[in-house]
Amino acid sequence: MAGVGKSTVGPALAKALGFSYTDLDEYIQNMQGETIQEIVETQGERMLLFLEKRRMFEIDVRRRVVAPGGSIIYHTDLMQY
């Protein structure tokens, strides 16, 4: 899903709808104090997948466009959320 335009289309869509916008990677980085790459390098890919799921459930998705991490497709509960 990298490079498909989430960071370009997401904010434009949110603005058109009058919604808020959140990029999950940015949210994770702000909450963890590390870049996505640093998380993967120091804690591993499994930790990133865990954090993507955990942090996604923290976001109130009502009236919000979210650019999720690519692993969202592996979690049916996240897809429903």
Protein backbone atom coordinates (compact mmCIF):
# COMPACT_ATOMS: atom_id res chain seq x y z
CA MET A 1 0.00 0.00 0.00
CA ALA A 2 2.99 2.31 0.11
CA GLY A 3 2.91 5.01 -2.55
CA VAL A 4 -0.79 4.72 -3.42
CA GLY A 5 -1.60 8.29 -2.40
CA LYS A 6 -3.02 7.94 1.12
CA SER A 7 -1.16 11.03 2.30
CA THR A 8 -2.35 13.03 -0.71
CA VAL A 9 -5.93 11.86 -1.10
CA GLY A 10 -6.68 11.40 2.61
CA PRO A 11 -6.37 15.04 3.68
CA ALA A 12 -8.20 16.24 0.55
CA LEU A 13 -11.05 13.79 1.17
CA ALA A 14 -11.26 14.80 4.83
CA LYS A 15 -11.40 18.47 3.88
CA ALA A 16 -14.11 17.86 1.28
CA LEU A 17 -16.19 15.95 3.82
CA GLY A 18 -15.51 18.35 6.68
CA PHE A 19 -13.84 15.52 8.62
CA SER A 20 -10.58 15.27 10.55
CA TYR A 21 -7.61 13.38 9.11
CA THR A 22 -5.16 11.03 10.81
CA ASP A 23 -2.20 9.20 9.32
CA LEU A 24 -1.73 6.09 11.48
CA ASP A 25 2.04 5.98 10.92
CA GLU A 26 2.37 9.58 12.12
CA TYR A 27 0.12 8.85 15.09
CA ILE A 28 2.24 5.83 16.06
CA GLN A 29 5.45 7.84 15.72
CA ASN A 30 4.07 10.63 17.91
CA MET A 31 2.84 8.21 20.56
CA GLN A 32 5.97 6.05 20.58
CA GLY A 33 8.57 8.77 20.11
CA GLU A 34 10.24 6.70 17.38
CA THR A 35 9.96 6.49 13.62
CA ILE A 36 8.32 3.45 12.05
CA GLN A 37 11.74 2.36 10.79
CA GLU A 38 13.25 2.67 14.28
CA ILE A 39 10.45 0.56 15.74
CA VAL A 40 11.02 -2.16 13.15
CA GLU A 41 14.81 -2.07 13.59
CA THR A 42 14.81 -2.11 17.41
CA GLN A 43 11.67 -4.06 18.26
CA GLY A 44 10.84 -5.98 15.12
CA GLU A 45 8.01 -6.17 12.62
CA ARG A 46 5.74 -8.05 15.03
CA MET A 47 5.87 -5.11 17.42
CA LEU A 48 4.94 -2.72 14.64
CA LEU A 49 1.95 -4.89 13.74
CA PHE A 50 0.92 -4.92 17.39
CA LEU A 51 1.27 -1.14 17.65
CA GLU A 52 -0.67 -0.56 14.43
CA LYS A 53 -3.58 -2.53 15.84
CA ARG A 54 -3.41 -1.04 19.32
CA ARG A 55 -3.07 2.55 18.17
CA MET A 56 -5.77 2.22 15.51
CA PHE A 57 -8.31 1.29 18.18
CA GLU A 58 -7.34 4.47 20.09
CA ILE A 59 -8.48 6.68 17.23
CA ASP A 60 -12.09 7.83 17.19
CA VAL A 61 -12.97 7.15 13.57
CA ARG A 62 -16.28 8.99 13.57
CA ARG A 63 -16.11 11.87 11.09
CA ARG A 64 -12.44 11.11 10.45
CA VAL A 65 -10.51 9.88 7.43
CA VAL A 66 -7.68 7.58 8.52
CA ALA A 67 -4.70 6.51 6.43
CA PRO A 68 -4.06 3.11 8.06
CA GLY A 69 -0.96 1.00 8.09
CA GLY A 70 -0.80 -1.74 5.51
CA SER A 71 -1.40 -4.49 8.06
CA ILE A 72 -4.98 -3.38 8.66
CA ILE A 73 -6.11 -5.87 6.03
CA TYR A 74 -4.89 -8.74 8.23
CA HIS A 75 -7.28 -7.84 11.06
CA THR A 76 -10.98 -8.27 10.34
CA ASP A 77 -11.82 -6.54 13.60
CA LEU A 78 -9.91 -3.44 12.46
CA MET A 79 -11.56 -3.53 9.07
CA GLN A 80 -14.95 -3.53 10.78
CA TYR A 81 -13.88 -0.75 13.14
